[in-house]
Amino acid sequence: MRIEILGSGCARCHGLEDSVRKALTMLGKDAEVVAVTDMQQIMAYGVMSMPALVIDGKVLSSGRVLSPEEAKKAIVGASV
């Protein structure tokens, strides 16, 4: 599983990454978590508000920082 956090590297982006890492720990899952700050890559996903959460190439959230519980639900939903 590849999880991408799209954003400029701001505090909100780091907050989303922290929530994702906590969710992975709660689930006992291992995944590649990557911060994507390149605007061309971000635009390729069609994301207009950041931070955004992308799991295995699919945008699951944009414009908000998910809680660890919300991130957990997104990860479980993406692995089905």
PDB file of N, CA and C in Angstrom:
ATOM      1  N   MET A   1       0.845  -1.176   0.000  1.00  0.00           N
ATOM      2  CA  MET A   1       0.000   0.000   0.000  1.00  0.00           C
ATOM      3  C   MET A   1       0.890   1.238   0.000  1.00  0.00           C
ATOM      4  N   ARG A   2       0.546   2.175  -0.873  1.00  0.00           N
ATOM      5  CA  ARG A   2       1.291   3.437  -0.963  1.00  0.00           C
ATOM      6  C   ARG A   2       0.343   4.573  -0.584  1.00  0.00           C
ATOM      7  N   ILE A   3       0.743   5.331   0.426  1.00  0.00           N
ATOM      8  CA  ILE A   3      -0.059   6.456   0.898  1.00  0.00           C
ATOM      9  C   ILE A   3       0.714   7.735   0.627  1.00  0.00           C
ATOM     10  N   GLU A   4       0.050   8.662  -0.060  1.00  0.00           N
ATOM     11  CA  GLU A   4       0.688   9.940  -0.373  1.00  0.00           C
ATOM     12  C   GLU A   4      -0.064  11.068   0.335  1.00  0.00           C
ATOM     13  N   ILE A   5       0.705  11.974   0.913  1.00  0.00           N
ATOM     14  CA  ILE A   5       0.166  13.183   1.518  1.00  0.00           C
ATOM     15  C   ILE A   5       0.552  14.323   0.578  1.00  0.00           C
ATOM     16  N   LEU A   6      -0.444  14.912  -0.065  1.00  0.00           N
ATOM     17  CA  LEU A   6      -0.177  15.992  -1.013  1.00  0.00           C
ATOM     18  C   LEU A   6      -0.291  17.330  -0.307  1.00  0.00           C
ATOM     19  N   GLY A   7       0.709  18.189  -0.504  1.00  0.00           N
ATOM     20  CA  GLY A   7       0.667  19.509   0.106  1.00  0.00           C
ATOM     21  C   GLY A   7       2.007  20.203   0.025  1.00  0.00           C
ATOM     22  N   SER A   8       2.029  21.407   0.555  1.00  0.00           N
ATOM     23  CA  SER A   8       3.223  22.249   0.470  1.00  0.00           C
ATOM     24  C   SER A   8       4.250  21.950   1.552  1.00  0.00           C
ATOM     25  N   GLY A   9       3.892  21.085   2.501  1.00  0.00           N
ATOM     26  CA  GLY A   9       4.790  20.807   3.617  1.00  0.00           C
ATOM     27  C   GLY A   9       4.457  21.647   4.834  1.00  0.00           C
ATOM     28  N   CYS A  10       3.247  22.208   4.842  1.00  0.00           N
ATOM     29  CA  CYS A  10       2.799  23.073   5.936  1.00  0.00           C
ATOM     30  C   CYS A  10       2.434  22.242   7.179  1.00  0.00           C
ATOM     31  N   ALA A  11       2.080  22.925   8.241  1.00  0.00           N
ATOM     32  CA  ALA A  11       1.718  22.262   9.494  1.00  0.00           C
ATOM     33  C   ALA A  11       0.514  21.343   9.310  1.00  0.00           C
ATOM     34  N   ARG A  12      -0.461  21.756   8.494  1.00  0.00           N
ATOM     35  CA  ARG A  12      -1.637  20.917   8.242  1.00  0.00           C
ATOM     36  C   ARG A  12      -1.243  19.624   7.520  1.00  0.00           C
ATOM     37  N   CYS A  13      -0.295  19.726   6.606  1.00  0.00           N
ATOM     38  CA  CYS A  13       0.189  18.542   5.880  1.00  0.00           C
ATOM     39  C   CYS A  13       0.865  17.572   6.847  1.00  0.00           C
ATOM     40  N   HIS A  14       1.666  18.125   7.741  1.00  0.00           N
ATOM     41  CA  HIS A  14       2.336  17.289   8.744  1.00  0.00           C
ATOM     42  C   HIS A  14       1.319  16.669   9.701  1.00  0.00           C
ATOM     43  N   GLY A  15       0.259  17.421  10.005  1.00  0.00           N
ATOM     44  CA  GLY A  15      -0.795  16.899  10.867  1.00  0.00           C
ATOM     45  C   GLY A  15      -1.501  15.708  10.239  1.00  0.00           C
ATOM     46  N   LEU A  16      -1.766  15.793   8.925  1.00  0.00           N
ATOM     47  CA  LEU A  16      -2.395  14.673   8.220  1.00  0.00           C
ATOM     48  C   LEU A  16      -1.466  13.467   8.200  1.00  0.00           C
ATOM     49  N   GLU A  17      -0.189  13.716   7.961  1.00  0.00           N
ATOM     50  CA  GLU A  17       0.778  12.616   7.957  1.00  0.00           C
ATOM     51  C   GLU A  17       0.841  11.941   9.327  1.00  0.00           C
ATOM     52  N   ASP A  18       0.834  12.733  10.394  1.00  0.00           N
ATOM     53  CA  ASP A  18       0.848  12.178  11.756  1.00  0.00           C
ATOM     54  C   ASP A  18      -0.385  11.304  11.995  1.00  0.00           C
ATOM     55  N   SER A  19      -1.549  11.787  11.560  1.00  0.00           N
ATOM     56  CA  SER A  19      -2.785  11.013  11.733  1.00  0.00           C
ATOM     57  C   SER A  19      -2.720   9.700  10.966  1.00  0.00           C
ATOM     58  N   VAL A  20      -2.176   9.743   9.767  1.00  0.00           N
ATOM     59  CA  VAL A  20      -2.055   8.527   8.950  1.00  0.00           C
ATOM     60  C   VAL A  20      -1.118   7.532   9.630  1.00  0.00           C
ATOM     61  N   ARG A  21      -0.002   8.015  10.119  1.00  0.00           N
ATOM     62  CA  ARG A  21       0.955   7.114  10.790  1.00  0.00           C
ATOM     63  C   ARG A  21       0.345   6.505  12.064  1.00  0.00           C
ATOM     64  N   LYS A  22      -0.414   7.304  12.815  1.00  0.00           N
ATOM     65  CA  LYS A  22      -1.082   6.780  14.010  1.00  0.00           C
ATOM     66  C   LYS A  22      -2.122   5.728  13.622  1.00  0.00           C
ATOM     67  N   ALA A  23      -2.854   5.990  12.548  1.00  0.00           N
ATOM     68  CA  ALA A  23      -3.867   5.041  12.075  1.00  0.00           C
ATOM     69  C   ALA A  23      -3.217   3.724  11.660  1.00  0.00           C
ATOM     70  N   LEU A  24      -2.094   3.798  10.978  1.00  0.00           N
ATOM     71  CA  LEU A  24      -1.386   2.585  10.573  1.00  0.00           C
ATOM     72  C   LEU A  24      -0.939   1.783  11.794  1.00  0.00           C
ATOM     73  N   THR A  25      -0.469   2.490  12.814  1.00  0.00           N
ATOM     74  CA  THR A  25      -0.052   1.830  14.054  1.00  0.00           C
ATOM     75  C   THR A  25      -1.247   1.147  14.715  1.00  0.00           C
ATOM     76  N   MET A  26      -2.384   1.849  14.786  1.00  0.00           N
ATOM     77  CA  MET A  26      -3.590   1.274  15.389  1.00  0.00           C
ATOM     78  C   MET A  26      -4.039   0.016  14.648  1.00  0.00           C
ATOM     79  N   LEU A  27      -3.872   0.038  13.319  1.00  0.00           N
ATOM     80  CA  LEU A  27      -4.296  -1.095  12.497  1.00  0.00           C
ATOM     81  C   LEU A  27      -3.246  -2.208  12.441  1.00  0.00           C
ATOM     82  N   GLY A  28      -2.030  -1.909  12.886  1.00  0.00           N
ATOM     83  CA  GLY A  28      -0.951  -2.886  12.796  1.00  0.00           C
ATOM     84  C   GLY A  28      -0.531  -3.133  11.356  1.00  0.00           C
ATOM     85  N   LYS A  29      -0.705  -2.101  10.516  1.00  0.00           N
ATOM     86  CA  LYS A  29      -0.359  -2.218   9.090  1.00  0.00           C
ATOM     87  C   LYS A  29       0.936  -1.471   8.795  1.00  0.00           C
ATOM     88  N   ASP A  30       1.574  -1.938   7.748  1.00  0.00           N
ATOM     89  CA  ASP A  30       2.774  -1.278   7.272  1.00  0.00           C
ATOM     90  C   ASP A  30       2.477  -0.741   5.881  1.00  0.00           C
ATOM     91  N   ALA A  31       2.868   0.488   5.620  1.00  0.00           N
ATOM     92  CA  ALA A  31       2.639   1.085   4.309  1.00  0.00           C
ATOM     93  C   ALA A  31       3.728   2.107   4.031  1.00  0.00           C
ATOM     94  N   GLU A  32       3.921   2.366   2.768  1.00  0.00           N
ATOM     95  CA  GLU A  32       4.863   3.405   2.352  1.00  0.00           C
ATOM     96  C   GLU A  32       4.114   4.737   2.425  1.00  0.00           C
ATOM     97  N   VAL A  33       4.586   5.646   3.270  1.00  0.00           N
ATOM     98  CA  VAL A  33       3.960   6.966   3.421  1.00  0.00           C
ATOM     99  C   VAL A  33       4.916   7.994   2.824  1.00  0.00           C
ATOM    100  N   VAL A  34       4.417   8.728   1.819  1.00  0.00           N
ATOM    101  CA  VAL A  34       5.255   9.669   1.081  1.00  0.00           C
ATOM    102  C   VAL A  34       4.616  11.054   1.091  1.00  0.00           C
ATOM    103  N   ALA A  35       5.418  12.069   1.372  1.00  0.00           N
ATOM    104  CA  ALA A  35       4.950  13.462   1.278  1.00  0.00           C
ATOM    105  C   ALA A  35       5.262  13.958  -0.130  1.00  0.00           C
ATOM    106  N   VAL A  36       4.232  14.411  -0.827  1.00  0.00           N
ATOM    107  CA  VAL A  36       4.399  14.922  -2.192  1.00  0.00           C
ATOM    108  C   VAL A  36       4.213  16.434  -2.143  1.00  0.00           C
ATOM    109  N   THR A  37       5.282  17.166  -2.459  1.00  0.00           N
ATOM    110  CA  THR A  37       5.215  18.628  -2.420  1.00  0.00           C
ATOM    111  C   THR A  37       5.349  19.258  -3.807  1.00  0.00           C
ATOM    112  N   ASP A  38       5.639  18.450  -4.810  1.00  0.00           N
ATOM    113  CA  ASP A  38       5.797  18.952  -6.175  1.00  0.00           C
ATOM    114  C   ASP A  38       4.428  19.318  -6.752  1.00  0.00           C
ATOM    115  N   MET A  39       4.238  20.592  -7.100  1.00  0.00           N
ATOM    116  CA  MET A  39       2.940  21.070  -7.568  1.00  0.00           C
ATOM    117  C   MET A  39       2.462  20.375  -8.841  1.00  0.00           C
ATOM    118  N   GLN A  40       3.364  20.008  -9.729  1.00  0.00           N
ATOM    119  CA  GLN A  40       2.937  19.320 -10.953  1.00  0.00           C
ATOM    120  C   GLN A  40       2.349  17.952 -10.626  1.00  0.00           C
ATOM    121  N   GLN A  41       2.971  17.245  -9.686  1.00  0.00           N
ATOM    122  CA  GLN A  41       2.440  15.940  -9.270  1.00  0.00           C
ATOM    123  C   GLN A  41       1.088  16.110  -8.584  1.00  0.00           C
ATOM    124  N   ILE A  42       0.972  17.137  -7.749  1.00  0.00           N
ATOM    125  CA  ILE A  42      -0.284  17.389  -7.041  1.00  0.00           C
ATOM    126  C   ILE A  42      -1.383  17.729  -8.039  1.00  0.00           C
ATOM    127  N   MET A  43      -1.087  18.593  -8.999  1.00  0.00           N
ATOM    128  CA  MET A  43      -2.069  18.991 -10.007  1.00  0.00           C
ATOM    129  C   MET A  43      -2.510  17.807 -10.868  1.00  0.00           C
ATOM    130  N   ALA A  44      -1.624  16.839 -11.063  1.00  0.00           N
ATOM    131  CA  ALA A  44      -1.962  15.656 -11.855  1.00  0.00           C
ATOM    132  C   ALA A  44      -3.114  14.869 -11.208  1.00  0.00           C
ATOM    133  N   TYR A  45      -3.265  14.989  -9.900  1.00  0.00           N
ATOM    134  CA  TYR A  45      -4.370  14.332  -9.197  1.00  0.00           C
ATOM    135  C   TYR A  45      -5.653  15.162  -9.256  1.00  0.00           C
ATOM    136  N   GLY A  46      -5.560  16.408  -9.733  1.00  0.00           N
ATOM    137  CA  GLY A  46      -6.725  17.276  -9.810  1.00  0.00           C
ATOM    138  C   GLY A  46      -7.147  17.837  -8.465  1.00  0.00           C
ATOM    139  N   VAL A  47      -6.230  17.838  -7.511  1.00  0.00           N
ATOM    140  CA  VAL A  47      -6.524  18.334  -6.165  1.00  0.00           C
ATOM    141  C   VAL A  47      -6.352  19.846  -6.135  1.00  0.00           C
ATOM    142  N   MET A  48      -7.372  20.535  -5.635  1.00  0.00           N
ATOM    143  CA  MET A  48      -7.305  21.993  -5.559  1.00  0.00           C
ATOM    144  C   MET A  48      -7.123  22.505  -4.135  1.00  0.00           C
ATOM    145  N   SER A  49      -7.473  21.696  -3.134  1.00  0.00           N
ATOM    146  CA  SER A  49      -7.258  22.125  -1.748  1.00  0.00           C
ATOM    147  C   SER A  49      -6.443  21.072  -1.017  1.00  0.00           C
ATOM    148  N   MET A  50      -5.527  21.588  -0.218  1.00  0.00           N
ATOM    149  CA  MET A  50      -4.605  20.705   0.476  1.00  0.00           C
ATOM    150  C   MET A  50      -4.703  20.910   1.976  1.00  0.00           C
ATOM    151  N   PRO A  51      -4.288  19.926   2.735  1.00  0.00           N
ATOM    152  CA  PRO A  51      -3.622  18.698   2.328  1.00  0.00           C
ATOM    153  C   PRO A  51      -4.621  17.695   1.743  1.00  0.00           C
ATOM    154  N   ALA A  52      -4.078  16.742   0.996  1.00  0.00           N
ATOM    155  CA  ALA A  52      -4.907  15.696   0.417  1.00  0.00           C
ATOM    156  C   ALA A  52      -4.298  14.338   0.742  1.00  0.00           C
ATOM    157  N   LEU A  53      -5.175  13.358   0.863  1.00  0.00           N
ATOM    158  CA  LEU A  53      -4.756  11.987   1.155  1.00  0.00           C
ATOM    159  C   LEU A  53      -5.027  11.131  -0.072  1.00  0.00           C
ATOM    160  N   VAL A  54      -3.972  10.466  -0.556  1.00  0.00           N
ATOM    161  CA  VAL A  54      -4.084   9.589  -1.713  1.00  0.00           C
ATOM    162  C   VAL A  54      -3.596   8.206  -1.298  1.00  0.00           C
ATOM    163  N   ILE A  55      -4.423   7.201  -1.524  1.00  0.00           N
ATOM    164  CA  ILE A  55      -4.031   5.827  -1.216  1.00  0.00           C
ATOM    165  C   ILE A  55      -4.094   5.017  -2.495  1.00  0.00           C
ATOM    166  N   ASP A  56      -2.959   4.430  -2.851  1.00  0.00           N
ATOM    167  CA  ASP A  56      -2.831   3.627  -4.067  1.00  0.00           C
ATOM    168  C   ASP A  56      -3.402   4.347  -5.285  1.00  0.00           C
ATOM    169  N   GLY A  57      -3.063   5.641  -5.410  1.00  0.00           N
ATOM    170  CA  GLY A  57      -3.436   6.419  -6.590  1.00  0.00           C
ATOM    171  C   GLY A  57      -4.826   7.028  -6.570  1.00  0.00           C
ATOM    172  N   LYS A  58      -5.591   6.805  -5.507  1.00  0.00           N
ATOM    173  CA  LYS A  58      -6.960   7.324  -5.432  1.00  0.00           C
ATOM    174  C   LYS A  58      -7.048   8.405  -4.357  1.00  0.00           C
ATOM    175  N   VAL A  59      -7.561   9.583  -4.741  1.00  0.00           N
ATOM    176  CA  VAL A  59      -7.725  10.688  -3.797  1.00  0.00           C
ATOM    177  C   VAL A  59      -8.911  10.370  -2.890  1.00  0.00           C
ATOM    178  N   LEU A  60      -8.665  10.282  -1.589  1.00  0.00           N
ATOM    179  CA  LEU A  60      -9.719   9.950  -0.632  1.00  0.00           C
ATOM    180  C   LEU A  60     -10.153  11.123   0.226  1.00  0.00           C
ATOM    181  N   SER A  61      -9.329  12.160   0.299  1.00  0.00           N
ATOM    182  CA  SER A  61      -9.668  13.317   1.113  1.00  0.00           C
ATOM    183  C   SER A  61      -8.850  14.504   0.624  1.00  0.00           C
ATOM    184  N   SER A  62      -9.463  15.686   0.656  1.00  0.00           N
ATOM    185  CA  SER A  62      -8.686  16.889   0.341  1.00  0.00           C
ATOM    186  C   SER A  62      -9.249  18.074   1.106  1.00  0.00           C
ATOM    187  N   GLY A  63      -8.349  18.974   1.455  1.00  0.00           N
ATOM    188  CA  GLY A  63      -8.741  20.212   2.112  1.00  0.00           C
ATOM    189  C   GLY A  63      -8.931  20.138   3.607  1.00  0.00           C
ATOM    190  N   ARG A  64      -8.652  18.983   4.216  1.00  0.00           N
ATOM    191  CA  ARG A  64      -8.806  18.895   5.664  1.00  0.00           C
ATOM    192  C   ARG A  64      -7.830  17.897   6.254  1.00  0.00           C
ATOM    193  N   VAL A  65      -7.576  18.103   7.548  1.00  0.00           N
ATOM    194  CA  VAL A  65      -6.706  17.191   8.291  1.00  0.00           C
ATOM    195  C   VAL A  65      -7.606  16.155   8.949  1.00  0.00           C
ATOM    196  N   LEU A  66      -7.453  14.910   8.554  1.00  0.00           N
ATOM    197  CA  LEU A  66      -8.250  13.836   9.140  1.00  0.00           C
ATOM    198  C   LEU A  66      -7.738  13.505  10.539  1.00  0.00           C
ATOM    199  N   SER A  67      -8.634  13.075  11.393  1.00  0.00           N
ATOM    200  CA  SER A  67      -8.224  12.566  12.700  1.00  0.00           C
ATOM    201  C   SER A  67      -7.637  11.176  12.476  1.00  0.00           C
ATOM    202  N   PRO A  68      -6.898  10.642  13.442  1.00  0.00           N
ATOM    203  CA  PRO A  68      -6.383   9.275  13.277  1.00  0.00           C
ATOM    204  C   PRO A  68      -7.506   8.270  13.015  1.00  0.00           C
ATOM    205  N   GLU A  69      -8.663   8.460  13.645  1.00  0.00           N
ATOM    206  CA  GLU A  69      -9.798   7.548  13.450  1.00  0.00           C
ATOM    207  C   GLU A  69     -10.340   7.646  12.019  1.00  0.00           C
ATOM    208  N   GLU A  70     -10.440   8.869  11.493  1.00  0.00           N
ATOM    209  CA  GLU A  70     -10.902   9.054  10.110  1.00  0.00           C
ATOM    210  C   GLU A  70      -9.892   8.467   9.120  1.00  0.00           C
ATOM    211  N   ALA A  71      -8.616   8.664   9.404  1.00  0.00           N
ATOM    212  CA  ALA A  71      -7.568   8.108   8.537  1.00  0.00           C
ATOM    213  C   ALA A  71      -7.629   6.588   8.548  1.00  0.00           C
ATOM    214  N   LYS A  72      -7.902   6.033   9.724  1.00  0.00           N
ATOM    215  CA  LYS A  72      -8.020   4.583   9.862  1.00  0.00           C
ATOM    216  C   LYS A  72      -9.141   4.054   8.963  1.00  0.00           C
ATOM    217  N   LYS A  73     -10.278   4.715   8.979  1.00  0.00           N
ATOM    218  CA  LYS A  73     -11.411   4.310   8.139  1.00  0.00           C
ATOM    219  C   LYS A  73     -11.058   4.401   6.660  1.00  0.00           C
ATOM    220  N   ALA A  74     -10.334   5.444   6.269  1.00  0.00           N
ATOM    221  CA  ALA A  74      -9.928   5.607   4.866  1.00  0.00           C
ATOM    222  C   ALA A  74      -8.987   4.478   4.453  1.00  0.00           C
ATOM    223  N   ILE A  75      -8.043   4.123   5.322  1.00  0.00           N
ATOM    224  CA  ILE A  75      -7.084   3.059   5.023  1.00  0.00           C
ATOM    225  C   ILE A  75      -7.790   1.714   4.904  1.00  0.00           C
ATOM    226  N   VAL A  76      -8.693   1.429   5.844  1.00  0.00           N
ATOM    227  CA  VAL A  76      -9.442   0.167   5.790  1.00  0.00           C
ATOM    228  C   VAL A  76     -10.291   0.109   4.529  1.00  0.00           C
ATOM    229  N   GLY A  77     -10.961   1.205   4.209  1.00  0.00           N
ATOM    230  CA  GLY A  77     -11.794   1.260   3.007  1.00  0.00           C
ATOM    231  C   GLY A  77     -10.992   1.072   1.735  1.00  0.00           C
ATOM    232  N   ALA A  78      -9.769   1.576   1.704  1.00  0.00           N
ATOM    233  CA  ALA A  78      -8.924   1.471   0.519  1.00  0.00           C
ATOM    234  C   ALA A  78      -8.367   0.065   0.354  1.00  0.00           C
ATOM    235  N   SER A  79      -8.242  -0.683   1.446  1.00  0.00           N
ATOM    236  CA  SER A  79      -7.658  -2.017   1.343  1.00  0.00           C
ATOM    237  C   SER A  79      -8.671  -3.091   1.010  1.00  0.00           C
ATOM    238  N   VAL A  80      -9.937  -2.722   0.896  1.00  0.00           N
ATOM    239  CA  VAL A  80     -10.963  -3.731   0.587  1.00  0.00           C
ATOM    240  C   VAL A  80     -10.999  -4.000  -0.885  1.00  0.00           C
TER     241      VAL A  80
END
